Protein backbone atom coordinates (compact mmCIF):
# COMPACT_ATOMS: atom_id res chain seq x y z
CA MET A 1 101.25 106.75 105.57
CA ILE A 2 101.08 105.41 109.10
CA ARG A 3 100.26 107.88 111.86
CA PRO A 4 100.71 107.54 115.62
CA ARG A 5 97.06 108.48 116.07
CA ARG A 6 93.95 108.71 114.00
CA SER A 7 94.00 111.82 111.78
CA ARG A 8 91.08 114.02 112.74
CA PHE A 9 89.14 117.07 111.70
CA ARG A 10 89.71 120.09 113.89
CA HIS A 11 86.81 120.07 116.42
CA ALA A 12 84.56 118.59 113.74
CA THR A 13 81.93 116.03 114.77
CA PRO A 14 82.24 112.88 112.59
CA ALA A 15 79.37 112.11 110.24
CA LEU A 16 76.62 110.10 111.94
CA ARG A 17 76.70 106.40 111.20
CA ALA A 18 73.58 104.39 110.41
CA ALA A 19 73.72 100.76 111.42
CA GLY A 20 70.62 99.18 109.84
CA ALA A 21 68.82 96.39 111.62
CA LEU A 22 69.59 93.85 108.92
CA ALA A 23 73.31 94.10 109.67
CA ALA A 24 72.87 92.09 112.86
CA LEU A 25 70.36 89.41 111.90
CA ALA A 26 73.02 86.77 112.43
CA ALA A 27 73.72 87.81 116.07
CA PRO A 28 73.76 85.02 118.68
CA ALA A 29 70.60 84.31 120.64
CA LEU A 30 69.65 85.62 124.06
CA ALA A 31 69.70 83.21 126.96
CA HIS A 32 66.93 80.63 126.56
CA ALA A 33 66.62 77.02 125.59
CA GLY A 34 66.39 76.85 121.86
CA GLU A 35 68.49 79.87 120.74
CA ALA A 36 65.67 81.03 118.50
CA ALA A 37 65.58 84.75 119.24
CA ALA A 38 68.42 87.03 118.15
CA PRO A 39 68.87 90.49 119.68
CA LEU A 40 69.18 93.73 117.76
CA ILE A 41 69.59 97.27 118.98
CA GLY A 42 66.47 98.84 117.51
CA ALA A 43 66.68 102.39 118.86
CA VAL A 44 68.53 104.63 121.30
CA ARG A 45 66.62 107.49 122.93
CA PRO A 46 67.19 109.99 125.74
CA GLY A 47 66.25 108.48 129.08
CA SER A 48 64.19 110.01 131.86
CA GLU A 49 67.36 111.00 133.76
CA ASP A 50 70.37 113.05 132.70
CA GLY A 51 73.22 110.83 131.55
CA VAL A 52 70.93 107.86 130.88
CA LEU A 53 69.87 106.48 127.50
CA ALA A 54 66.92 104.20 126.83
CA VAL A 55 68.05 101.36 124.56
CA GLU A 56 65.39 99.34 122.75
CA LEU A 57 66.28 95.71 122.07
CA ILE A 58 64.46 93.82 119.32
CA LEU A 59 64.19 90.07 119.85
CA LEU A 60 63.73 88.08 116.64
CA ASN A 61 62.44 84.52 116.36
CA SER A 62 63.35 82.72 113.14
CA GLU A 63 62.08 79.31 114.27
CA GLY A 64 58.76 77.71 113.45
CA GLN A 65 57.25 77.98 116.91
CA ALA A 66 56.76 80.63 119.56
CA ARG A 67 59.46 81.09 122.19
CA ALA A 68 59.61 82.90 125.51
CA VAL A 69 62.87 84.83 125.76
CA GLU A 70 64.45 85.75 129.07
CA VAL A 71 66.60 88.87 128.88
CA PRO A 72 69.49 88.97 131.39
CA ALA A 73 69.34 91.77 133.94
CA ARG A 74 72.78 93.04 132.82
CA LEU A 75 74.15 92.88 129.27
CA PRO A 76 77.73 93.83 128.29
CA VAL A 77 77.96 96.52 125.60
CA THR A 78 80.70 98.57 123.97
CA LEU A 79 80.30 102.33 123.41
CA THR A 80 82.65 103.77 120.77
CA LEU A 81 83.24 107.55 120.94
CA GLY A 82 85.80 109.24 118.71
CA GLY A 83 87.60 105.94 118.12
CA GLU A 84 87.79 105.15 121.87
CA ARG A 85 85.98 101.99 122.98
CA ARG A 86 84.42 101.82 126.46
CA SER A 87 83.00 98.67 128.05
CA LEU A 88 79.66 99.43 129.75
CA THR A 89 76.64 97.51 131.01
CA LEU A 90 73.07 97.62 129.73
CA GLU A 91 70.61 97.39 132.64
CA CYS A 92 67.37 95.49 131.96
CA SER A 93 64.63 95.10 134.55
CA PRO A 94 64.94 91.68 136.22
CA ASP A 95 61.24 91.79 137.20
CA ALA A 96 59.88 92.06 133.66
CA ALA A 97 58.17 88.94 132.34
CA ALA A 98 59.95 87.11 129.55
CA PRO A 99 58.30 88.23 126.29
CA GLN A 100 56.65 85.60 124.12
CA VAL A 101 58.07 85.87 120.60
CA GLU A 102 55.84 84.40 117.91
CA ALA A 103 57.31 82.24 115.16
CA GLY A 104 58.89 84.54 112.56
CA GLY A 105 58.03 87.56 114.71
CA PHE A 106 59.72 89.88 117.16
CA ALA A 107 59.29 91.54 120.54
CA ARG A 108 60.69 94.73 122.04
CA ARG A 109 62.43 95.18 125.36
CA GLU A 110 63.72 98.47 126.81
CA CYS A 111 66.91 98.66 128.86
CA LEU A 112 68.92 101.54 130.31
CA LEU A 113 72.49 102.65 129.59
CA ARG A 114 74.24 104.98 132.03
CA LEU A 115 76.79 107.13 130.20
CA PRO A 116 80.27 107.61 131.67
CA GLU A 117 81.21 111.03 133.00
CA GLY A 118 82.71 113.49 130.54
CA VAL A 119 80.74 112.36 127.48
CA SER A 120 79.82 115.44 125.45
CA ALA A 121 76.37 116.01 124.07
CA GLN A 122 75.96 115.91 120.28
CA ASP A 123 78.95 113.58 119.82
CA SER A 124 78.37 110.69 117.41
CA ALA A 125 78.60 107.27 118.98
CA LEU A 126 78.42 103.57 118.15
CA LEU A 127 76.78 101.13 120.58
CA SER A 128 77.53 97.42 120.16
CA LEU A 129 76.32 94.39 122.04
CA GLY A 130 79.20 92.49 123.60
CA GLY A 131 79.92 89.08 125.06
CA ASP A 132 77.93 86.22 123.55
CA LEU A 133 75.61 88.74 121.88
CA ALA A 134 78.31 90.47 119.80
CA GLY A 135 77.12 91.38 116.33
CA SER A 136 74.46 94.06 116.68
CA SER A 137 75.57 97.70 116.48
CA TYR A 138 73.71 101.01 116.35
CA ALA A 139 75.15 104.41 115.42
CA PHE A 140 73.52 107.53 116.82
CA ALA A 141 74.08 111.09 118.01
CA LEU A 142 74.13 111.75 121.74
CA PRO A 143 71.20 114.09 122.41
CA ALA A 144 71.86 117.41 124.08
CA ALA A 145 70.72 117.62 127.68
CA PRO A 146 67.78 120.03 127.99
CA ALA A 147 68.64 123.28 129.73
CA ALA A 148 66.98 123.61 133.12
CA PRO A 149 64.62 126.62 133.12
CA ALA A 150 64.94 129.18 135.90
CA PRO A 151 62.26 128.66 138.57
CA ALA A 152 59.39 131.14 138.42
CA GLN A 153 58.60 133.13 141.57
CA MET A 154 55.04 133.09 142.90
CA ALA A 155 53.55 135.73 145.14
CA GLY A 156 54.96 135.42 148.62
CA GLY A 157 58.31 134.16 147.37
CA ALA A 158 57.32 130.52 146.76
CA GLU A 159 58.69 128.87 143.68
CA GLU A 160 56.23 127.78 141.01
CA PRO A 161 57.20 124.48 139.34
CA PRO A 162 58.06 125.04 135.67
CA ALA A 163 55.60 123.83 133.04
CA LEU A 164 56.68 120.76 131.13
CA ALA A 165 57.32 121.23 127.41
CA ALA A 166 54.81 119.49 125.18
CA ALA A 167 57.36 118.80 122.44
CA PRO A 168 58.75 115.25 122.33
CA ALA A 169 62.36 114.62 123.34
CA PRO A 170 64.82 114.59 120.41
CA ALA A 171 65.48 111.06 119.18
CA ALA A 172 68.99 109.72 118.92
CA LYS A 173 68.51 108.74 115.30
CA PRO A 174 71.11 107.61 112.76
CA ASP A 175 71.53 108.82 109.21
CA ASP A 176 69.53 106.49 106.98
CA GLY A 177 71.20 104.54 104.20
CA ASN A 178 74.87 104.94 105.20
CA ALA A 179 75.40 102.10 107.63
CA PHE A 180 79.18 101.97 107.15
CA LEU A 181 80.03 105.67 106.98
CA GLY A 182 81.66 105.43 110.39
CA ASN A 183 84.35 103.17 108.91
CA LEU A 184 85.55 106.07 106.73
CA SER A 185 88.18 108.39 108.20
CA ALA A 186 91.07 110.68 107.27
CA TYR A 187 94.40 109.06 106.41
CA SER A 188 97.19 111.45 105.37
CA PRO A 189 96.92 115.24 105.85
CA ILE A 190 94.27 117.15 103.88
CA TYR A 191 95.38 120.66 102.93
CA ALA A 192 95.80 123.38 100.31
CA VAL A 193 99.04 125.42 100.17
CA TYR A 194 100.60 128.01 97.87
CA GLY A 195 104.13 129.22 97.14
CA PRO A 196 104.68 131.42 94.04
CA GLY A 197 107.51 131.37 91.53
CA THR A 198 107.51 127.79 90.19
CA ASN A 199 105.54 125.65 87.76
CA SER A 200 103.90 123.92 90.73
CA ASP A 201 103.17 126.79 93.09
CA GLY A 202 99.89 125.31 94.34
CA ARG A 203 99.64 121.94 96.08
CA ILE A 204 96.41 120.27 97.23
CA GLN A 205 96.07 116.90 98.92
CA ILE A 206 93.04 114.82 99.91
CA SER A 207 93.28 111.46 101.65
CA PHE A 208 91.02 108.96 103.38
CA LYS A 209 91.00 105.37 104.57
CA TYR A 210 88.21 102.83 104.99
CA GLN A 211 88.07 99.96 107.47
CA LEU A 212 86.83 97.05 105.35
CA PHE A 213 85.64 94.72 108.13
CA GLY A 214 84.10 95.06 111.58
CA ASP A 215 82.77 97.98 113.58
CA ALA A 216 84.43 101.37 113.22
CA GLY A 217 87.57 101.59 115.34
CA ASP A 218 87.33 97.95 116.47
CA VAL A 219 90.91 97.13 115.48
CA GLY A 220 93.63 95.45 117.50
CA GLY A 221 93.28 94.03 120.99
CA ASN A 222 90.64 91.31 121.09
CA ALA A 223 89.06 92.36 117.78
CA PRO A 224 89.09 89.88 114.88
CA ILE A 225 92.36 89.99 112.95
CA ILE A 226 90.59 90.75 109.68
CA ASN A 227 89.34 94.07 111.12
CA GLY A 228 92.82 95.52 110.58
CA LEU A 229 92.44 95.40 106.77
CA HIS A 230 91.98 98.88 105.25
CA PHE A 231 91.67 100.54 101.85
CA ALA A 232 93.15 104.02 101.46
CA TYR A 233 93.21 106.63 98.72
CA THR A 234 95.37 109.74 98.46
CA GLN A 235 95.35 112.27 95.64
CA ARG A 236 97.92 115.06 95.31
CA LEU A 237 97.53 117.91 92.82
CA LEU A 238 100.33 120.27 91.79
CA TRP A 239 98.93 123.41 90.22
CA ASP A 240 100.74 125.89 87.95
CA LEU A 241 98.72 128.92 89.00
CA GLY A 242 101.12 131.37 87.38
CA ALA A 243 100.72 130.02 83.85
CA GLU A 244 98.06 131.05 81.36
CA SER A 245 94.83 129.10 82.02
CA SER A 246 96.43 127.80 85.27
CA PRO A 247 96.86 124.13 84.29
CA PHE A 248 97.67 121.32 86.69
CA ARG A 249 101.34 120.44 86.47
CA ASN A 250 100.62 116.89 87.62
CA VAL A 251 98.10 114.83 89.57
CA ASP A 252 99.26 111.75 91.48
CA TYR A 253 96.71 109.03 92.29
CA MET A 254 97.71 106.73 95.15
CA PRO A 255 95.31 103.93 96.14
CA GLU A 256 96.57 101.32 98.57
CA ILE A 257 95.44 98.39 100.66
CA PHE A 258 97.11 97.73 103.99
CA TYR A 259 96.88 95.93 107.29
CA LEU A 260 97.04 98.15 110.37
CA GLN A 261 98.21 97.14 113.82
CA PRO A 262 97.30 100.02 116.17
CA ALA A 263 99.94 101.18 118.62
CA VAL A 264 100.05 99.13 121.83
CA GLU A 265 101.74 100.36 125.01
CA VAL A 266 104.73 98.12 125.70
CA ALA A 267 106.35 100.25 128.41
CA PRO A 268 105.50 103.43 130.31
CA ARG A 269 105.14 106.25 127.74
CA LEU A 270 106.15 103.95 124.84
CA ALA A 271 103.79 102.38 122.28
CA LEU A 272 104.57 100.22 119.24
CA GLY A 273 102.46 99.56 116.15
CA GLY A 274 102.84 99.29 112.40
CA GLN A 275 101.34 98.52 109.03
CA ILE A 276 102.13 96.52 105.91
CA GLY A 277 100.58 97.09 102.52
CA PHE A 278 100.56 97.44 98.75
CA ARG A 279 100.48 100.86 97.07
CA HIS A 280 99.93 101.87 93.46
CA GLU A 281 100.98 105.29 92.19
CA SER A 282 100.22 106.77 88.77
CA ASN A 283 99.58 110.15 87.20
CA GLY A 284 96.84 109.04 84.82
CA ARG A 285 98.62 110.29 81.69
CA ASP A 286 99.81 108.55 78.57
CA GLY A 287 102.75 108.77 76.21
CA ALA A 288 106.01 110.32 77.38
CA ALA A 289 104.32 111.92 80.41
CA SER A 290 103.00 108.61 81.78
CA ARG A 291 104.36 107.57 85.19
CA SER A 292 103.52 104.66 87.50
CA ALA A 293 104.99 102.57 90.31
CA ASN A 294 103.80 99.70 92.50
CA THR A 295 105.36 99.02 95.90
CA ILE A 296 104.98 96.58 98.76
CA TYR A 297 105.99 98.14 102.06
CA VAL A 298 106.35 97.44 105.76
CA GLN A 299 106.49 100.21 108.35
CA PRO A 300 106.75 99.75 112.14
CA ILE A 301 106.19 102.78 114.36
CA ALA A 302 107.27 103.79 117.86
CA THR A 303 105.53 106.60 119.74
CA MET A 304 106.96 108.13 122.91
CA LYS A 305 105.02 110.43 125.24
CA SER A 306 106.28 113.09 127.62
CA GLY A 307 103.35 114.91 129.16
CA ASP A 308 101.28 116.19 126.24
CA LEU A 309 104.26 116.00 123.85
CA SER A 310 104.39 113.07 121.41
CA ILE A 311 107.39 111.90 119.39
CA SER A 312 106.95 109.25 116.68
CA LEU A 313 109.47 107.46 114.47
CA ALA A 314 108.53 105.02 111.69
CA PRO A 315 111.19 103.58 109.35
CA ARG A 316 109.81 102.33 106.04
CA LEU A 317 111.12 99.57 103.77
CA PHE A 318 109.53 99.20 100.33
CA PHE A 319 110.09 97.08 97.24
CA TYR A 320 109.04 97.78 93.67
CA VAL A 321 106.86 95.17 91.99
CA GLY A 322 105.37 94.89 88.53
CA ASP A 323 106.13 96.89 85.41
CA ARG A 324 108.20 100.11 85.64
CA GLU A 325 108.31 100.73 81.93
CA ASP A 326 107.26 104.39 82.27
CA ASN A 327 110.05 105.17 84.76
CA PRO A 328 112.55 102.28 84.83
CA ASP A 329 115.14 104.15 86.92
CA ILE A 330 112.80 105.48 89.61
CA ARG A 331 114.58 103.42 92.27
CA ARG A 332 117.76 105.42 91.58
CA TYR A 333 116.03 108.59 92.86
CA ARG A 334 113.77 107.12 95.54
CA GLY A 335 115.66 104.13 96.86
CA ASN A 336 113.95 101.48 98.98
CA THR A 337 113.96 103.12 102.39
CA GLY A 338 112.19 105.99 104.10
CA LEU A 339 111.59 107.51 107.50
CA PHE A 340 108.52 109.15 109.01
CA ALA A 341 109.19 111.41 112.00
CA GLU A 342 106.80 113.58 113.98
CA ILE A 343 106.92 115.72 117.11
CA GLY A 344 104.20 117.90 118.54
CA ARG A 345 101.16 118.41 120.73
CA ASP A 346 97.52 117.72 119.88
CA GLU A 347 96.54 121.32 120.61
CA GLY A 348 99.76 123.00 119.55
CA PHE A 349 102.55 122.91 116.99
CA ARG A 350 103.21 119.71 115.09
CA LEU A 351 106.23 119.09 112.85
CA THR A 352 106.13 116.11 110.49
CA ALA A 353 108.76 114.90 108.03
CA ASN A 354 108.72 112.12 105.43
CA SER A 355 111.96 111.14 103.74
CA ARG A 356 113.16 108.73 101.04
CA PHE A 357 116.78 107.80 100.41
CA ASN A 358 118.93 105.65 98.13
CA PHE A 359 122.17 104.91 99.97
CA SER A 360 123.96 103.74 96.81
CA THR A 361 123.30 106.88 94.74
CA GLY A 362 122.97 109.44 97.54
CA LYS A 363 119.69 110.70 96.09
CA GLY A 364 116.44 111.13 97.96
CA SER A 365 114.02 113.70 99.32
CA VAL A 366 112.50 115.26 102.44
CA ASP A 367 108.89 116.48 102.62
CA ALA A 368 108.16 118.46 105.81
CA GLU A 369 104.96 119.93 107.25
CA LEU A 370 104.45 122.37 110.14
CA SER A 371 100.97 123.07 111.50
CA TYR A 372 99.23 124.99 114.29
CA PRO A 373 95.53 125.36 115.21
CA LEU A 374 94.15 128.61 113.84
CA ASP A 375 91.87 129.19 116.82
CA ARG A 376 94.88 129.30 119.13
CA ILE A 377 96.00 132.47 117.33
CA VAL A 378 92.72 134.29 116.68
CA ASP A 379 89.31 133.91 118.27
CA THR A 380 87.43 132.13 115.50
CA PRO A 381 85.01 129.22 115.13
CA LEU A 382 86.82 128.28 111.90
CA ASN A 383 88.09 124.69 112.16
CA LEU A 384 91.42 124.96 110.32
CA TYR A 385 95.13 124.61 110.91
CA LEU A 386 97.74 127.05 109.67
CA PHE A 387 99.90 124.83 107.50
CA GLY A 388 103.38 125.16 106.06
CA GLN A 389 104.87 122.64 103.62
CA ALA A 390 108.41 122.33 102.26
CA PHE A 391 110.07 119.88 99.87
CA ALA A 392 113.72 119.35 98.96
CA GLY A 393 115.17 116.60 96.79
CA TYR A 394 114.11 114.46 93.85
CA GLY A 395 110.57 113.78 92.71
CA GLU A 396 107.97 115.82 94.54
CA ASN A 397 105.58 114.22 92.07
CA LEU A 398 105.72 111.23 89.74
CA LEU A 399 106.12 113.29 86.58
CA ASP A 400 109.28 114.91 87.96
CA TYR A 401 110.64 111.83 89.74
CA ASN A 402 114.15 112.44 88.32
CA ARG A 403 114.24 116.23 88.80
CA GLN A 404 115.71 117.96 91.82
CA GLN A 405 113.33 120.51 93.30
CA THR A 406 112.97 122.84 96.29
CA ARG A 407 109.56 124.17 97.27
CA LEU A 408 108.10 126.23 100.13
CA ARG A 409 104.36 126.81 100.48
CA PHE A 410 101.85 128.04 103.07
CA GLY A 411 98.12 127.59 103.47
CA PHE A 412 95.51 125.79 105.52
CA ALA A 413 94.70 122.21 106.50
CA ILE A 414 91.63 120.48 107.88
CA VAL A 415 93.54 117.30 108.78
CA ARG A 416 97.21 117.26 109.74
């Protein structure tokens, strides 16, 4: 389901992304006759000044003879923080001699990156070479700035300079072995809710999406078109907690592949985006309880801003494809149209509604969610949302696609 913004964990820092050196071996060469040496970002470490990072470049030479490589004094880079891309400049000493790179070997060169104001320590980040050097990326955690010790007082009131710590500075090091973890993010809301008195009083949903191509968050704008291709998976469990042995009433499995066009501002306080994709739904059962449906859909979205209030509307048009043998009349209850609507604030209430409707039969459904950050109510470090969920209409799940139901549940969410 398209969202006007990237779904996020409440105050949670995203998992650190490891971008291994081999991922950028095909990067273009640095400026020199011959184009033999390709740059990689080998390491990112805290610099000698606050707000400055030391970036180590690795210069590779795949040719059969040694080459001297001149590194430009200023290199364009892109720093990605929380999905936001910032264009910065890597500063390399213009006085340093061009390193001689042996055939099949490499050389190291250290440059400096000055962080923009407002960047929080311990955030995960992705640094990518830009311009003609695009291709090399490095994921790391921004190191915390060391706390300045209080000056010691000597006799007579003079200040004694503090002793330097012998421990090495913490390295901005990626998680090993998960170079593409940064491309994984939340998709639809993730929550657990409960409402007694029915055969599906518990409802749990998990959902994620994965950017198949390109650097994490590098979608839209001047990014390659193929970067917009995503895979998503959503699983919804309906739980009969009141029955003996508490069986699951139904589990819906919903993988999909889609192309995402992020919202682009087309007028003051108005942004337009959309997605188009293919979705498969099934409940993994056989016999009379088996249900499945395949749809191709298109969904544009408009988001309007008024201060910190956001309003989003996204009509949805979908068509059934393939075999519907398990539920041949599902279109009668779902139709071919839907509407996503949302209003709320990032740090306050948010109301979301998804609807389906068949204009010829008058049947359809509305699934609504209301959420609010828990730490705005009580003083707690717990990263959760209070979450209410309601359903009215036909087919809360695939098994009951032709049954009219009304449900009201409350619980908690980590993504809304």
